[in-house]
Structures are given as C-alpha cells and as structure tokens.
Amino acid sequence: MKIGVLCLQGAFIEHINILNKLGIEAFEIRQKKDIYQKFDGIILPGGESTTMGKLLRELDIFDILIDKIKNDMPVFGTCAGLLLLSKEIANDNRRHLSTLNVIAKRNAYGRQLGSFNIIEKFNGKDIPMTFIRAPYIEKVGENVEILSIVNDKIVAVREKNQLATAFHPELTDCYDVHEYFINMVENNIKNLNIKRGV
C-alpha cells in the first residue's frame, strides 16, 4: 500500500509521520509528475483551502485529482481538505474539487472557539479531537454517512471512497481515524484485485 499526501501547503508532515508509524509507505505530492506515480489513496491536509485550491490549478493537478476521486480512489481530507472536497461552501462562493456531497461552513466556530480540543465519538469510539479555525458541515446529501457530531455540528463524514473531518487527527497521539482510512484503502485494493481477477 502506498498513500500520497498533498504537500502544497499546510499540516502535511504530521500525516506522513503517522502513516510511517503505522507501517504505511507515504510520499509527497508537490507537482504534477508526483500524481502519476502508482499509489492507492490520497490525503488532503489542513491548511488554507483557497491557497491549496489555487495551487492545485496552477500546478495542473486539479483535474487529475478529481478524476482519481471519481474513479473511486480513497481520499481523506482534514479541515481545509474537507473544504476542498465539499460540493458547496455555505459562506464562500468558491468551489474546489466538489466531489463530496456536503455543504460546509469555513472558519465556522468564530474567534472564541476558533481553536479547541475535545474528546468525542468518531464512528462510535471516543477519540481526542483538535479543532483549529475549523469548518463544520451544515448539511449532508444522499449516501453520506455521518461519523462524528460535536456540539450538534457534523464534523466527520464518509461518502463511498471519501472521508472528511473538520478536526485534525494528525495532531493527536490517536491513530483511529488514519486506521479507518487505511481500512478503506485496503478494501478498495481488494475490490480492484477481485475485478482484475487477481
């Protein structure tokens, strides 16, 4: 298994470190040639979604990434990564990849709760969550599974091959969310092998 981590801007090295600790090969996606490697899943880290969306277009990675997601490559977006994936952003006219059937709100918690830590359930299990000027999800569409709600706000979802969190699991010592994503990737590899008759 090999997972690419988008390294244009933001908190990407922490994701790579966790993947390495879990025995998963990870590599950096910094330019167009990187995305043509053979790999099995991709992580879109936190950072600044507008900057990341702009760089994806400037580096000519944008359409290739959409194509991979639409062709069932597992993708995991955290914070800004959630905004990149969201079909709509309620308080921003800009759209990015728009592959995840949710409406998100950026910088949703305001200054007072701009950054906070909490222990809440993800997929039924209590885990530590770190929020930094985080978005949340205002509305989910068809086929979107809600994995976490914090203070009545949706903060983690899955739609088929797409996983997204408003919080930063890479900034804690808990690897549950990354392990959930790795399981998604493993299942996708199995399904692809079945289709190929391997």
Protein backbone atom coordinates (compact mmCIF):
# COMPACT_ATOMS: atom_id res chain seq x y z
CA MET A 1 0.00 0.00 0.00
CA LYS A 2 1.19 3.48 -0.89
CA ILE A 3 -0.53 6.73 0.07
CA GLY A 4 0.16 10.16 -1.37
CA VAL A 5 -0.08 13.25 0.83
CA LEU A 6 -0.75 16.60 -0.83
CA CYS A 7 2.16 18.79 0.27
CA LEU A 8 1.40 22.15 -1.31
CA GLN A 9 0.69 23.97 1.94
CA GLY A 10 -0.47 23.28 5.49
CA ALA A 11 -0.02 20.46 8.02
CA PHE A 12 1.12 17.58 5.82
CA ILE A 13 4.24 16.21 7.53
CA GLU A 14 2.20 15.07 10.54
CA HIS A 15 0.10 12.83 8.28
CA ILE A 16 3.23 11.33 6.74
CA ASN A 17 4.71 10.67 10.20
CA ILE A 18 1.56 8.83 11.34
CA LEU A 19 1.41 6.73 8.18
CA ASN A 20 5.05 5.78 8.66
CA LYS A 21 4.40 4.82 12.29
CA LEU A 22 1.57 2.59 11.07
CA GLY A 23 3.92 0.92 8.60
CA ILE A 24 2.38 2.54 5.53
CA GLU A 25 4.53 3.88 2.70
CA ALA A 26 3.79 7.56 2.13
CA PHE A 27 5.09 10.08 -0.38
CA GLU A 28 4.72 13.80 -1.02
CA ILE A 29 2.63 15.19 -3.89
CA ARG A 30 4.18 18.55 -4.72
CA GLN A 31 3.97 18.74 -8.50
CA LYS A 32 2.17 17.19 -11.44
CA LYS A 33 4.70 14.39 -12.03
CA ASP A 34 4.17 13.13 -8.45
CA ILE A 35 0.50 12.32 -9.02
CA TYR A 36 1.39 9.99 -11.89
CA GLN A 37 3.07 7.55 -9.50
CA LYS A 38 1.24 4.33 -8.71
CA PHE A 39 -0.47 4.76 -5.36
CA ASP A 40 -3.60 3.62 -3.54
CA GLY A 41 -5.01 6.60 -1.63
CA ILE A 42 -4.51 10.30 -1.03
CA ILE A 43 -4.66 12.64 1.96
CA LEU A 44 -5.62 16.31 1.64
CA PRO A 45 -4.30 18.01 4.80
CA GLY A 46 -5.34 21.06 6.76
CA GLY A 47 -4.09 24.49 5.79
CA GLU A 48 -5.73 27.26 3.80
CA SER A 49 -8.27 25.88 1.33
CA THR A 50 -8.27 28.87 -1.03
CA THR A 51 -4.48 28.76 -1.38
CA MET A 52 -4.49 24.99 -1.84
CA GLY A 53 -7.25 25.15 -4.46
CA LYS A 54 -5.33 27.85 -6.35
CA LEU A 55 -2.09 25.85 -6.28
CA LEU A 56 -3.86 22.68 -7.47
CA ARG A 57 -4.99 24.59 -10.55
CA GLU A 58 -1.67 26.36 -11.15
CA LEU A 59 0.25 23.08 -10.94
CA ASP A 60 -2.25 21.35 -13.26
CA ILE A 61 -3.11 18.74 -10.62
CA PHE A 62 -6.75 19.78 -10.13
CA ASP A 63 -8.48 17.80 -12.90
CA ILE A 64 -6.25 14.74 -12.43
CA LEU A 65 -7.19 14.64 -8.74
CA ILE A 66 -10.92 14.94 -9.47
CA ASP A 67 -10.62 12.12 -11.99
CA LYS A 68 -8.89 9.84 -9.46
CA ILE A 69 -11.56 10.53 -6.81
CA LYS A 70 -14.41 9.97 -9.27
CA ASN A 71 -12.75 6.68 -10.22
CA ASP A 72 -13.00 5.51 -6.59
CA MET A 73 -9.51 6.26 -5.25
CA PRO A 74 -9.88 6.63 -1.45
CA VAL A 75 -9.33 10.22 -0.30
CA PHE A 76 -9.13 11.65 3.21
CA GLY A 77 -9.50 15.39 3.78
CA THR A 78 -8.87 17.13 7.11
CA CYS A 79 -10.07 20.68 7.87
CA ALA A 80 -9.09 22.56 4.67
CA GLY A 81 -9.12 19.17 2.94
CA LEU A 82 -12.80 18.88 3.89
CA LEU A 83 -13.44 22.26 2.25
CA LEU A 84 -11.58 21.20 -0.90
CA LEU A 85 -13.82 18.14 -1.20
CA SER A 86 -17.14 19.81 -0.29
CA LYS A 87 -19.72 20.24 -3.02
CA GLU A 88 -20.55 23.68 -1.60
CA ILE A 89 -19.14 26.10 0.98
CA ALA A 90 -22.01 28.00 2.60
CA ASN A 91 -20.07 31.21 3.32
CA ASP A 92 -17.79 31.23 0.27
CA ASN A 93 -18.70 31.40 -3.42
CA ARG A 94 -15.56 29.48 -4.38
CA ARG A 95 -15.76 25.80 -5.18
CA HIS A 96 -12.82 23.43 -5.36
CA LEU A 97 -12.96 19.68 -6.10
CA SER A 98 -16.69 19.49 -5.21
CA THR A 99 -16.76 15.68 -5.07
CA LEU A 100 -18.21 15.24 -1.55
CA ASN A 101 -21.99 15.69 -1.29
CA VAL A 102 -22.00 18.10 1.67
CA ILE A 103 -22.38 21.81 2.37
CA ALA A 104 -19.61 23.01 4.69
CA LYS A 105 -19.04 26.28 6.50
CA ARG A 106 -15.48 27.60 6.71
CA ASN A 107 -14.00 29.15 9.88
CA ALA A 108 -17.32 28.15 11.35
CA TYR A 109 -16.66 28.42 15.08
CA GLY A 110 -15.70 32.10 15.19
CA ARG A 111 -12.92 33.67 17.23
CA GLN A 112 -14.00 32.49 20.67
CA LEU A 113 -13.96 28.82 19.69
CA GLY A 114 -11.51 29.25 16.83
CA SER A 115 -9.28 26.52 18.25
CA PHE A 116 -10.17 23.91 20.87
CA ASN A 117 -9.60 20.32 21.96
CA ILE A 118 -12.31 17.88 22.94
CA ILE A 119 -12.92 14.16 23.34
CA GLU A 120 -15.90 12.97 21.33
CA LYS A 121 -17.05 9.95 19.36
CA PHE A 122 -15.76 9.09 15.90
CA ASN A 123 -17.50 6.09 14.36
CA GLY A 124 -18.80 5.18 17.82
CA LYS A 125 -15.48 5.43 19.70
CA ASP A 126 -14.24 8.26 21.92
CA ILE A 127 -11.13 9.93 20.48
CA PRO A 128 -9.29 13.24 21.09
CA MET A 129 -10.07 15.92 18.51
CA THR A 130 -8.15 19.09 17.77
CA PHE A 131 -10.01 21.91 16.01
CA ILE A 132 -8.07 24.85 14.55
CA ARG A 133 -10.17 27.60 12.94
CA ALA A 134 -12.24 24.67 11.80
CA PRO A 135 -15.13 24.29 9.42
CA TYR A 136 -18.13 22.10 10.11
CA ILE A 137 -20.72 20.51 7.86
CA GLU A 138 -24.09 22.25 7.69
CA LYS A 139 -25.85 19.69 5.52
CA VAL A 140 -25.18 16.23 4.12
CA GLY A 141 -26.59 14.86 0.90
CA GLU A 142 -27.64 11.40 -0.17
CA ASN A 143 -25.26 8.49 0.55
CA VAL A 144 -23.24 10.49 3.11
CA GLU A 145 -22.63 8.70 6.42
CA ILE A 146 -22.16 10.89 9.50
CA LEU A 147 -19.27 9.59 11.61
CA SER A 148 -18.99 12.32 14.23
CA ILE A 149 -21.08 15.11 15.74
CA VAL A 150 -19.60 17.64 18.20
CA ASN A 151 -21.80 20.22 19.93
CA ASP A 152 -24.63 19.45 17.48
CA LYS A 153 -22.34 20.09 14.48
CA ILE A 154 -21.35 17.43 11.94
CA VAL A 155 -17.55 17.16 11.95
CA ALA A 156 -16.77 13.85 10.22
CA VAL A 157 -18.40 12.11 7.28
CA ARG A 158 -17.86 9.40 4.72
CA GLU A 159 -19.29 9.14 1.23
CA LYS A 160 -18.18 5.93 -0.50
CA ASN A 161 -14.42 6.42 -1.13
CA GLN A 162 -14.26 9.85 0.55
CA LEU A 163 -13.53 10.51 4.24
CA ALA A 164 -13.50 14.02 5.68
CA THR A 165 -13.01 15.52 9.15
CA ALA A 166 -13.30 19.10 10.36
CA PHE A 167 -10.72 18.32 13.05
CA HIS A 168 -7.03 17.40 12.85
CA PRO A 169 -6.47 13.75 13.86
CA GLU A 170 -2.83 14.09 12.78
CA LEU A 171 -2.21 16.47 15.70
CA THR A 172 -3.04 13.87 18.37
CA ASP A 173 -1.49 10.60 19.51
CA CYS A 174 -4.64 8.70 18.49
CA TYR A 175 -4.42 6.97 15.12
CA ASP A 176 -8.01 5.70 14.91
CA VAL A 177 -9.05 7.98 12.05
CA HIS A 178 -5.96 7.15 10.00
CA GLU A 179 -6.54 3.45 10.66
CA TYR A 180 -10.14 3.88 9.48
CA PHE A 181 -8.83 5.42 6.25
CA ILE A 182 -6.20 2.70 5.81
CA ASN A 183 -9.00 0.14 6.12
CA MET A 184 -10.89 1.99 3.34
CA VAL A 185 -7.77 1.79 1.15
CA GLU A 186 -7.23 -1.92 1.92
CA ASN A 187 -10.84 -2.73 0.99
CA ASN A 188 -10.52 -0.76 -2.25
CA ILE A 189 -7.33 -2.67 -3.17
CA LYS A 190 -9.16 -5.97 -2.52
CA ASN A 191 -12.10 -4.90 -4.69
CA LEU A 192 -9.79 -3.84 -7.50
CA ASN A 193 -7.97 -7.18 -7.33
CA ILE A 194 -11.29 -9.04 -7.50
CA LYS A 195 -12.27 -7.05 -10.59
CA ARG A 196 -8.91 -7.84 -12.19
CA GLY A 197 -9.21 -11.50 -11.24
CA VAL A 198 -6.07 -11.37 -9.09
